[in-house]
Amino acid sequence: MTCLPEITPGQKKLGLVIDLDTCVGCQACATNCKEWNASGHSGPLPDSKPYSAGAEGVWFNRVHSYEAGEGERGRTVNFPRSCLHCETPDCVTVCPTGASYKRIEDGIVLVDHDLCIGCGLCAWACPYGAREMDEDEGVMKKCTLCIDRIYNTNIPEAQRQPACVLTCPTSARHFGDLGDPESEVSKLVAERGGQPLMPELGYNPVNSYLPPRNRSSAAAAPEEAAPTPMDIKNPLLRWMDKVLTRDPMAGAPQARRAESGSQA
């Protein structure tokens, strides 16, 4: 079995922070992840019957949509799911060959495909469903946080982020060091009350989710515009509407002038 690296204070923990309030479920993250990784560190990522019923394939990032709440307070919550790069992952310790391992320098959980025998034990041990079996190669694959991108000095520094983060149109995905309390992602988690997924299981996921913001009240229905006199077909009702909606002070100056003239 594989041992985990010793956890030390201040250790670097690279991971994702996902905002469930702004994620629109567009699947751009899943698509860009597939495109980058199909020819990257874990490529190829095969697909089986991609254009017909029963399509299957290797996807490191999947987006699920749920309906939460009822009535006017109901909303659709889009939930992206990928490897959480846990601090104490059973998917690593259960591996019989050492193929599944956790890096000490940044906390990323990876799979060495040369050592993987495709036994599937790591997939059984992962409660988050983050492992993907490549049936063509007979090995297990998973999210790498685009390790071949984030450390690639041949691309501009601003582009050294996971593909899913770079492509998100609503900026719902954030990447950084969650082991540093002063990092932007750590501050974001603290400000928004970010939560790990199913922390009660004890695996200590590094990735965090920002909860949807509460809607204070349902949006007020727009008031219907009052009808204009020409909208009222009946002449008598139109006259009554004109009289009842007339400004009572509209004729005040004329009345005062008339009154002063009669006194003169």
Protein backbone atom coordinates (compact mmCIF):
# COMPACT_ATOMS: atom_id res chain seq x y z
CA MET A 1 0.00 0.00 0.00
CA THR A 2 1.04 3.61 -0.57
CA CYS A 3 1.92 6.00 2.26
CA LEU A 4 0.90 9.65 2.41
CA PRO A 5 3.43 12.45 2.86
CA GLU A 6 3.60 13.98 6.32
CA ILE A 7 1.39 17.04 6.69
CA THR A 8 3.32 20.08 7.96
CA PRO A 9 2.03 23.54 8.96
CA GLY A 10 2.08 26.04 6.12
CA GLN A 11 2.36 23.32 3.50
CA LYS A 12 1.41 24.34 -0.02
CA LYS A 13 -2.02 23.05 -1.03
CA LEU A 14 -2.97 23.86 -4.59
CA GLY A 15 -6.66 23.52 -5.31
CA LEU A 16 -9.84 25.00 -6.69
CA VAL A 17 -12.55 27.19 -5.21
CA ILE A 18 -15.84 26.89 -7.07
CA ASP A 19 -18.63 29.44 -6.71
CA LEU A 20 -21.99 27.66 -6.86
CA ASP A 21 -23.74 31.03 -6.92
CA THR A 22 -22.28 32.10 -10.27
CA CYS A 23 -21.79 28.74 -12.03
CA VAL A 24 -24.32 28.58 -14.87
CA GLY A 25 -23.69 24.97 -15.88
CA CYS A 26 -22.49 25.90 -19.37
CA GLN A 27 -20.02 22.96 -19.46
CA ALA A 28 -17.20 25.20 -20.72
CA CYS A 29 -14.93 23.97 -17.92
CA ALA A 30 -15.56 20.33 -18.79
CA THR A 31 -15.01 20.97 -22.50
CA ASN A 32 -11.78 22.93 -22.09
CA CYS A 33 -10.50 20.38 -19.57
CA LYS A 34 -11.10 17.60 -22.07
CA GLU A 35 -9.44 19.52 -24.89
CA TRP A 36 -6.30 20.35 -22.93
CA ASN A 37 -5.81 17.00 -21.22
CA ALA A 38 -6.58 14.90 -24.29
CA SER A 39 -3.10 15.80 -25.57
CA GLY A 40 -1.43 16.64 -22.27
CA HIS A 41 -0.01 14.83 -19.25
CA SER A 42 -2.85 12.28 -19.11
CA GLY A 43 -3.71 12.08 -22.79
CA PRO A 44 -5.28 10.63 -24.71
CA LEU A 45 -8.74 10.75 -23.11
CA PRO A 46 -10.88 8.32 -25.11
CA ASP A 47 -14.57 8.46 -25.91
CA SER A 48 -16.86 5.55 -26.76
CA LYS A 49 -19.87 6.18 -29.01
CA PRO A 50 -19.65 9.94 -28.44
CA TYR A 51 -22.49 10.75 -30.85
CA SER A 52 -25.02 8.07 -29.94
CA ALA A 53 -26.96 6.66 -27.02
CA GLY A 54 -24.82 5.16 -24.29
CA ALA A 55 -21.91 7.56 -24.88
CA GLU A 56 -19.02 6.97 -22.49
CA GLY A 57 -15.62 8.48 -22.04
CA VAL A 58 -12.97 9.85 -19.71
CA TRP A 59 -13.87 13.26 -18.31
CA PHE A 60 -11.91 14.79 -15.44
CA ASN A 61 -14.58 17.40 -14.81
CA ARG A 62 -18.32 16.78 -14.86
CA VAL A 63 -21.12 19.26 -14.15
CA HIS A 64 -24.38 18.16 -12.52
CA SER A 65 -27.50 20.31 -12.20
CA TYR A 66 -30.06 20.12 -9.41
CA GLU A 67 -33.25 21.90 -8.47
CA ALA A 68 -33.04 23.31 -4.93
CA GLY A 69 -35.92 24.83 -2.98
CA GLU A 70 -39.54 25.21 -3.97
CA GLY A 71 -41.81 27.86 -5.38
CA GLU A 72 -40.49 31.39 -5.76
CA ARG A 73 -37.40 30.53 -3.71
CA GLY A 74 -36.45 27.59 -5.89
CA ARG A 75 -33.38 27.75 -8.10
CA THR A 76 -31.13 25.60 -10.25
CA VAL A 77 -27.77 24.79 -8.68
CA ASN A 78 -25.01 23.69 -11.05
CA PHE A 79 -22.44 21.51 -9.32
CA PRO A 80 -19.05 20.88 -10.98
CA ARG A 81 -17.32 17.72 -9.76
CA SER A 82 -13.68 16.69 -10.09
CA CYS A 83 -10.83 15.42 -7.90
CA LEU A 84 -10.68 17.37 -4.62
CA HIS A 85 -7.00 16.57 -3.95
CA CYS A 86 -7.77 15.52 -0.38
CA GLU A 87 -5.18 15.79 2.36
CA THR A 88 -5.79 12.20 3.53
CA PRO A 89 -7.10 10.39 0.42
CA ASP A 90 -7.93 6.70 0.67
CA CYS A 91 -7.51 6.47 -3.09
CA VAL A 92 -3.77 6.78 -2.44
CA THR A 93 -3.36 4.51 0.55
CA VAL A 94 -5.38 1.70 -1.04
CA CYS A 95 -3.21 1.56 -4.18
CA PRO A 96 -1.21 -1.73 -4.21
CA THR A 97 1.52 -0.53 -6.58
CA GLY A 98 2.16 3.05 -5.52
CA ALA A 99 0.73 4.36 -8.79
CA SER A 100 -1.63 6.69 -6.96
CA TYR A 101 0.31 9.22 -4.91
CA LYS A 102 0.14 12.68 -3.36
CA ARG A 103 2.91 15.18 -4.05
CA ILE A 104 4.51 16.71 -0.99
CA GLU A 105 5.53 19.95 -2.74
CA ASP A 106 2.02 21.11 -3.68
CA GLY A 107 -0.47 18.48 -2.46
CA ILE A 108 -1.67 17.46 -5.92
CA VAL A 109 -2.89 13.84 -6.16
CA LEU A 110 -1.67 12.08 -9.30
CA VAL A 111 -1.51 8.65 -10.94
CA ASP A 112 1.65 7.17 -12.41
CA HIS A 113 0.28 5.36 -15.46
CA ASP A 114 3.44 3.24 -15.77
CA LEU A 115 2.73 1.69 -12.36
CA CYS A 116 -1.07 1.51 -12.58
CA ILE A 117 -2.45 -1.99 -13.16
CA GLY A 118 -6.07 -0.87 -13.58
CA CYS A 119 -7.33 -2.78 -10.54
CA GLY A 120 -9.88 -0.06 -9.77
CA LEU A 121 -9.31 -0.08 -5.99
CA CYS A 122 -8.75 3.68 -5.94
CA ALA A 123 -12.07 4.28 -7.69
CA TRP A 124 -13.83 2.16 -5.08
CA ALA A 125 -12.09 4.08 -2.28
CA CYS A 126 -12.94 7.55 -3.63
CA PRO A 127 -16.38 8.63 -2.33
CA TYR A 128 -16.52 11.56 -4.77
CA GLY A 129 -16.43 9.57 -8.00
CA ALA A 130 -13.36 11.46 -9.19
CA ARG A 131 -11.51 8.52 -10.79
CA GLU A 132 -11.95 7.68 -14.47
CA MET A 133 -10.93 4.33 -15.97
CA ASP A 134 -9.35 4.53 -19.40
CA GLU A 135 -10.59 1.26 -20.89
CA ASP A 136 -8.32 1.62 -23.91
CA GLU A 137 -5.11 1.80 -21.89
CA GLY A 138 -6.35 -0.14 -18.87
CA VAL A 139 -5.24 2.52 -16.39
CA MET A 140 -6.95 4.96 -14.02
CA LYS A 141 -6.91 8.66 -14.82
CA LYS A 142 -8.02 11.80 -12.99
CA CYS A 143 -7.77 15.58 -12.67
CA THR A 144 -4.16 16.76 -12.38
CA LEU A 145 -4.95 20.46 -11.89
CA CYS A 146 -3.32 20.74 -15.32
CA ILE A 147 0.12 20.11 -13.82
CA ASP A 148 1.66 20.32 -17.27
CA ARG A 149 0.25 23.84 -17.60
CA ILE A 150 0.54 25.51 -14.19
CA TYR A 151 4.32 24.91 -14.08
CA ASN A 152 4.94 25.48 -17.80
CA THR A 153 7.38 28.38 -18.12
CA ASN A 154 6.95 28.42 -21.90
CA ILE A 155 3.54 30.07 -21.61
CA PRO A 156 2.71 33.51 -20.12
CA GLU A 157 2.44 33.51 -16.34
CA ALA A 158 -1.18 34.67 -16.47
CA GLN A 159 -2.01 31.52 -18.47
CA ARG A 160 -0.47 29.15 -15.92
CA GLN A 161 -3.78 28.08 -14.47
CA PRO A 162 -5.96 25.00 -14.96
CA ALA A 163 -7.81 24.98 -18.26
CA CYS A 164 -11.17 24.91 -16.49
CA VAL A 165 -10.36 28.13 -14.61
CA LEU A 166 -9.19 30.01 -17.68
CA THR A 167 -12.29 29.23 -19.71
CA CYS A 168 -15.06 29.91 -17.16
CA PRO A 169 -17.21 32.76 -18.57
CA THR A 170 -18.62 33.76 -15.17
CA SER A 171 -15.36 33.49 -13.17
CA ALA A 172 -16.95 30.82 -10.98
CA ARG A 173 -13.69 28.88 -10.71
CA HIS A 174 -10.62 30.08 -8.81
CA PHE A 175 -7.18 28.49 -8.42
CA GLY A 176 -4.49 29.00 -5.82
CA ASP A 177 -2.75 27.91 -2.65
CA LEU A 178 -5.35 27.00 -0.04
CA GLY A 179 -2.57 26.27 2.44
CA ASP A 180 -1.72 29.98 2.56
CA PRO A 181 -4.33 31.88 4.62
CA GLU A 182 -3.28 35.12 2.90
CA SER A 183 -3.83 33.84 -0.65
CA GLU A 184 -6.72 35.18 -2.70
CA VAL A 185 -8.51 31.83 -2.72
CA SER A 186 -8.19 31.42 1.06
CA LYS A 187 -9.57 34.91 1.64
CA LEU A 188 -12.44 34.16 -0.73
CA VAL A 189 -13.31 31.00 1.20
CA ALA A 190 -13.23 32.90 4.49
CA GLU A 191 -15.37 35.78 3.20
CA ARG A 192 -18.03 33.61 1.57
CA GLY A 193 -18.10 30.73 4.06
CA GLY A 194 -16.68 28.18 1.62
CA GLN A 195 -17.10 24.53 2.49
CA PRO A 196 -15.33 21.30 1.51
CA LEU A 197 -17.46 18.54 0.03
CA MET A 198 -18.74 16.06 2.62
CA PRO A 199 -16.14 16.92 5.31
CA GLU A 200 -17.74 14.40 7.68
CA LEU A 201 -16.01 11.60 5.74
CA GLY A 202 -12.66 12.73 7.11
CA TYR A 203 -10.67 12.96 3.87
CA ASN A 204 -10.08 16.73 4.24
CA PRO A 205 -10.68 17.87 0.64
CA VAL A 206 -8.51 20.81 -0.41
CA ASN A 207 -11.02 22.13 -2.96
CA SER A 208 -13.82 24.27 -1.54
CA TYR A 209 -17.28 25.27 -2.73
CA LEU A 210 -18.80 28.70 -2.17
CA PRO A 211 -22.50 28.28 -1.33
CA PRO A 212 -25.25 29.98 -3.34
CA ARG A 213 -26.23 33.33 -1.88
CA ASN A 214 -29.63 33.53 -0.19
CA ARG A 215 -32.30 35.33 -2.15
CA SER A 216 -33.85 37.80 0.32
CA SER A 217 -37.21 37.77 -1.38
CA ALA A 218 -38.78 36.93 -4.67
CA ALA A 219 -38.60 39.70 -7.23
CA ALA A 220 -41.66 41.91 -7.04
CA ALA A 221 -44.02 41.55 -9.97
CA PRO A 222 -44.05 44.67 -12.17
CA GLU A 223 -47.06 46.89 -11.58
CA GLU A 224 -49.50 47.04 -14.45
CA ALA A 225 -49.61 50.46 -16.04
CA ALA A 226 -52.83 52.40 -15.49
CA PRO A 227 -55.02 52.71 -18.60
CA THR A 228 -54.96 55.98 -20.48
CA PRO A 229 -58.25 57.73 -21.27
CA MET A 230 -58.09 56.53 -24.87
CA ASP A 231 -57.88 52.93 -23.64
CA ILE A 232 -61.37 53.27 -22.10
CA LYS A 233 -63.97 52.68 -24.81
CA ASN A 234 -67.10 53.75 -22.96
CA PRO A 235 -67.44 57.62 -23.24
CA LEU A 236 -69.09 57.95 -19.82
CA LEU A 237 -66.41 55.91 -18.10
CA ARG A 238 -63.75 57.88 -19.94
CA TRP A 239 -65.23 61.14 -18.64
CA MET A 240 -65.42 59.76 -15.09
CA ASP A 241 -61.81 58.65 -15.29
CA LYS A 242 -60.78 62.12 -16.43
CA VAL A 243 -62.65 63.79 -13.58
CA LEU A 244 -61.48 61.39 -10.87
CA THR A 245 -57.83 61.55 -11.87
CA ARG A 246 -57.73 65.34 -12.31
CA ASP A 247 -55.39 67.26 -10.00
CA PRO A 248 -57.63 69.04 -7.48
CA MET A 249 -55.19 71.98 -7.34
CA ALA A 250 -54.99 72.35 -11.10
CA GLY A 251 -57.59 75.14 -11.20
CA ALA A 252 -56.59 76.85 -7.95
CA PRO A 253 -54.81 79.91 -9.46
CA GLN A 254 -57.74 80.64 -11.79
CA ALA A 255 -60.19 80.32 -8.93
CA ARG A 256 -58.21 82.77 -6.79
CA ARG A 257 -58.02 85.27 -9.63
CA ALA A 258 -61.76 85.00 -10.19
CA GLU A 259 -62.40 85.48 -6.48
CA SER A 260 -60.17 88.58 -6.28
CA GLY A 261 -61.86 90.06 -9.37
CA SER A 262 -65.32 89.75 -7.89
CA GLN A 263 -64.18 91.45 -4.64
CA ALA A 264 -62.76 94.38 -6.63
